[in-house]
Amino acid sequence: MDKKTAMQDIIAKVGRERAIDMVMKAYDTELMTTLLNRLEEGKSKMIGAYKRRDHLEAALLRVLEVCELASP
């Protein structure tokens, strides 16, 4: 997935300022979800247990999916 293209698609649907706000909120949600999962599973103390995720890509996909569901 090309992040720039995904962001442009979101901007086309909701406008620039709203797109930035939505993606930033989704990004925060992705970060919090990862941190909570690590705490719940006790992974923060295990070596090699944490796998790096692309939180921005996940946020863009989340927002783009919602935008596509809401479009007529």
N, C-alpha and C. Protein backbone atom coordinates (compact mmCIF):
# COMPACT_ATOMS: atom_id res chain seq x y z
N MET A 1 0.83 -1.18 0.00
CA MET A 1 0.00 0.00 0.00
C MET A 1 0.88 1.25 0.00
N ASP A 2 0.53 2.17 -0.85
CA ASP A 2 1.24 3.44 -0.90
C ASP A 2 0.54 4.42 0.05
N LYS A 3 1.25 4.85 1.07
CA LYS A 3 0.68 5.71 2.10
C LYS A 3 0.21 7.05 1.55
N LYS A 4 1.00 7.60 0.63
CA LYS A 4 0.65 8.91 0.06
C LYS A 4 -0.65 8.82 -0.73
N THR A 5 -0.81 7.76 -1.50
CA THR A 5 -2.03 7.57 -2.27
C THR A 5 -3.22 7.37 -1.35
N ALA A 6 -3.04 6.59 -0.29
CA ALA A 6 -4.13 6.36 0.66
C ALA A 6 -4.55 7.68 1.31
N MET A 7 -3.57 8.50 1.68
CA MET A 7 -3.90 9.79 2.30
C MET A 7 -4.61 10.69 1.31
N GLN A 8 -4.19 10.69 0.07
CA GLN A 8 -4.85 11.50 -0.96
C GLN A 8 -6.30 11.05 -1.17
N ASP A 9 -6.54 9.75 -1.11
CA ASP A 9 -7.90 9.22 -1.23
C ASP A 9 -8.77 9.69 -0.07
N ILE A 10 -8.21 9.68 1.12
CA ILE A 10 -8.96 10.13 2.30
C ILE A 10 -9.24 11.62 2.19
N ILE A 11 -8.24 12.40 1.78
CA ILE A 11 -8.42 13.85 1.61
C ILE A 11 -9.52 14.14 0.60
N ALA A 12 -9.56 13.38 -0.48
CA ALA A 12 -10.58 13.58 -1.51
C ALA A 12 -11.98 13.33 -0.95
N LYS A 13 -12.09 12.45 0.01
CA LYS A 13 -13.40 12.10 0.56
C LYS A 13 -13.86 13.05 1.67
N VAL A 14 -12.93 13.50 2.54
CA VAL A 14 -13.34 14.27 3.72
C VAL A 14 -12.69 15.64 3.85
N GLY A 15 -11.77 15.98 3.00
CA GLY A 15 -11.06 17.26 3.11
C GLY A 15 -9.76 17.10 3.88
N ARG A 16 -8.85 18.05 3.67
CA ARG A 16 -7.49 17.94 4.21
C ARG A 16 -7.44 17.94 5.73
N GLU A 17 -8.06 18.94 6.35
CA GLU A 17 -7.99 19.06 7.81
C GLU A 17 -8.66 17.88 8.51
N ARG A 18 -9.81 17.48 8.02
CA ARG A 18 -10.53 16.34 8.62
C ARG A 18 -9.74 15.05 8.42
N ALA A 19 -9.11 14.90 7.27
CA ALA A 19 -8.32 13.70 6.99
C ALA A 19 -7.14 13.60 7.95
N ILE A 20 -6.46 14.71 8.16
CA ILE A 20 -5.33 14.71 9.09
C ILE A 20 -5.80 14.34 10.49
N ASP A 21 -6.90 14.94 10.92
CA ASP A 21 -7.44 14.66 12.25
C ASP A 21 -7.83 13.18 12.40
N MET A 22 -8.50 12.66 11.41
CA MET A 22 -8.95 11.26 11.47
C MET A 22 -7.77 10.29 11.50
N VAL A 23 -6.78 10.54 10.67
CA VAL A 23 -5.62 9.64 10.61
C VAL A 23 -4.81 9.73 11.90
N MET A 24 -4.65 10.92 12.44
CA MET A 24 -3.91 11.05 13.70
C MET A 24 -4.62 10.33 14.84
N LYS A 25 -5.93 10.43 14.90
CA LYS A 25 -6.68 9.71 15.94
C LYS A 25 -6.57 8.20 15.75
N ALA A 26 -6.64 7.75 14.51
CA ALA A 26 -6.49 6.32 14.24
C ALA A 26 -5.08 5.85 14.57
N TYR A 27 -4.09 6.70 14.30
CA TYR A 27 -2.70 6.37 14.62
C TYR A 27 -2.53 6.21 16.13
N ASP A 28 -3.10 7.15 16.88
CA ASP A 28 -3.05 7.05 18.35
C ASP A 28 -3.71 5.77 18.83
N THR A 29 -4.82 5.41 18.22
CA THR A 29 -5.53 4.18 18.58
C THR A 29 -4.66 2.96 18.30
N GLU A 30 -3.98 2.94 17.17
CA GLU A 30 -3.10 1.82 16.84
C GLU A 30 -1.96 1.70 17.85
N LEU A 31 -1.38 2.83 18.23
CA LEU A 31 -0.31 2.81 19.23
C LEU A 31 -0.80 2.29 20.57
N MET A 32 -1.93 2.79 21.01
CA MET A 32 -2.48 2.37 22.30
C MET A 32 -2.85 0.89 22.29
N THR A 33 -3.40 0.42 21.20
CA THR A 33 -3.75 -1.00 21.09
C THR A 33 -2.51 -1.87 21.22
N THR A 34 -1.45 -1.48 20.54
CA THR A 34 -0.20 -2.24 20.61
C THR A 34 0.35 -2.24 22.03
N LEU A 35 0.37 -1.08 22.66
CA LEU A 35 0.90 -0.99 24.02
C LEU A 35 0.07 -1.79 25.00
N LEU A 36 -1.25 -1.72 24.89
CA LEU A 36 -2.12 -2.48 25.79
C LEU A 36 -1.95 -3.98 25.59
N ASN A 37 -1.84 -4.41 24.35
CA ASN A 37 -1.62 -5.83 24.08
C ASN A 37 -0.31 -6.32 24.69
N ARG A 38 0.72 -5.51 24.58
CA ARG A 38 2.01 -5.88 25.16
C ARG A 38 1.92 -5.99 26.67
N LEU A 39 1.21 -5.06 27.29
CA LEU A 39 1.08 -5.10 28.74
C LEU A 39 0.24 -6.29 29.21
N GLU A 40 -0.86 -6.54 28.50
CA GLU A 40 -1.74 -7.64 28.87
C GLU A 40 -1.04 -8.99 28.74
N GLU A 41 -0.25 -9.14 27.73
CA GLU A 41 0.40 -10.42 27.47
C GLU A 41 1.75 -10.53 28.15
N GLY A 42 2.18 -9.49 28.82
CA GLY A 42 3.47 -9.51 29.50
C GLY A 42 4.64 -9.55 28.54
N LYS A 43 4.43 -9.12 27.32
CA LYS A 43 5.48 -9.20 26.31
C LYS A 43 6.59 -8.18 26.52
N SER A 44 6.31 -7.14 27.27
CA SER A 44 7.32 -6.10 27.42
C SER A 44 8.56 -6.62 28.16
N LYS A 45 8.41 -7.75 28.87
CA LYS A 45 9.52 -8.30 29.62
C LYS A 45 10.22 -9.44 28.88
N MET A 46 9.65 -9.85 27.77
CA MET A 46 10.22 -10.97 27.03
C MET A 46 11.08 -10.46 25.87
N ILE A 47 12.24 -10.98 25.72
CA ILE A 47 13.13 -10.57 24.64
C ILE A 47 12.60 -11.13 23.32
N GLY A 48 12.51 -10.27 22.33
CA GLY A 48 12.10 -10.70 21.00
C GLY A 48 10.62 -10.93 20.83
N ALA A 49 9.80 -10.64 21.82
CA ALA A 49 8.37 -10.91 21.72
C ALA A 49 7.65 -9.84 20.91
N TYR A 50 8.16 -8.65 20.90
CA TYR A 50 7.49 -7.54 20.22
C TYR A 50 7.87 -7.49 18.76
N LYS A 51 6.88 -7.51 17.90
CA LYS A 51 7.11 -7.39 16.46
C LYS A 51 6.70 -5.99 16.02
N ARG A 52 7.60 -5.29 15.39
CA ARG A 52 7.35 -3.91 14.95
C ARG A 52 6.26 -3.88 13.90
N ARG A 53 5.26 -3.03 14.15
CA ARG A 53 4.17 -2.83 13.21
C ARG A 53 4.28 -1.44 12.59
N ASP A 54 3.74 -1.29 11.42
CA ASP A 54 3.67 0.04 10.80
C ASP A 54 2.33 0.65 11.22
N HIS A 55 2.36 1.42 12.28
CA HIS A 55 1.14 1.99 12.83
C HIS A 55 0.49 2.99 11.89
N LEU A 56 1.29 3.71 11.13
CA LEU A 56 0.73 4.68 10.19
C LEU A 56 -0.04 3.96 9.08
N GLU A 57 0.52 2.90 8.56
CA GLU A 57 -0.17 2.13 7.53
C GLU A 57 -1.48 1.57 8.07
N ALA A 58 -1.46 1.04 9.27
CA ALA A 58 -2.68 0.49 9.87
C ALA A 58 -3.72 1.59 10.08
N ALA A 59 -3.29 2.78 10.48
CA ALA A 59 -4.20 3.89 10.68
C ALA A 59 -4.82 4.34 9.36
N LEU A 60 -4.00 4.45 8.33
CA LEU A 60 -4.51 4.84 7.02
C LEU A 60 -5.53 3.83 6.50
N LEU A 61 -5.22 2.55 6.66
CA LEU A 61 -6.15 1.52 6.22
C LEU A 61 -7.46 1.58 6.98
N ARG A 62 -7.38 1.81 8.28
CA ARG A 62 -8.58 1.91 9.12
C ARG A 62 -9.46 3.06 8.66
N VAL A 63 -8.88 4.24 8.47
CA VAL A 63 -9.64 5.42 8.07
C VAL A 63 -10.18 5.25 6.65
N LEU A 64 -9.37 4.74 5.75
CA LEU A 64 -9.80 4.54 4.37
C LEU A 64 -10.97 3.56 4.31
N GLU A 65 -10.91 2.51 5.10
CA GLU A 65 -12.00 1.54 5.13
C GLU A 65 -13.29 2.19 5.60
N VAL A 66 -13.23 3.02 6.63
CA VAL A 66 -14.43 3.70 7.13
C VAL A 66 -14.97 4.67 6.08
N CYS A 67 -14.08 5.41 5.42
CA CYS A 67 -14.50 6.34 4.38
C CYS A 67 -15.20 5.62 3.24
N GLU A 68 -14.67 4.48 2.85
CA GLU A 68 -15.28 3.71 1.76
C GLU A 68 -16.63 3.12 2.17
N LEU A 69 -16.75 2.73 3.42
CA LEU A 69 -18.04 2.21 3.90
C LEU A 69 -19.10 3.32 3.93
N ALA A 70 -18.68 4.53 4.22
CA ALA A 70 -19.62 5.65 4.34
C ALA A 70 -19.98 6.28 3.00
N SER A 71 -19.22 6.01 1.96
CA SER A 71 -19.51 6.63 0.66
C SER A 71 -20.68 5.92 -0.01
N PRO A 72 -21.48 6.69 -0.74
CA PRO A 72 -22.69 6.12 -1.38
C PRO A 72 -22.37 5.18 -2.51
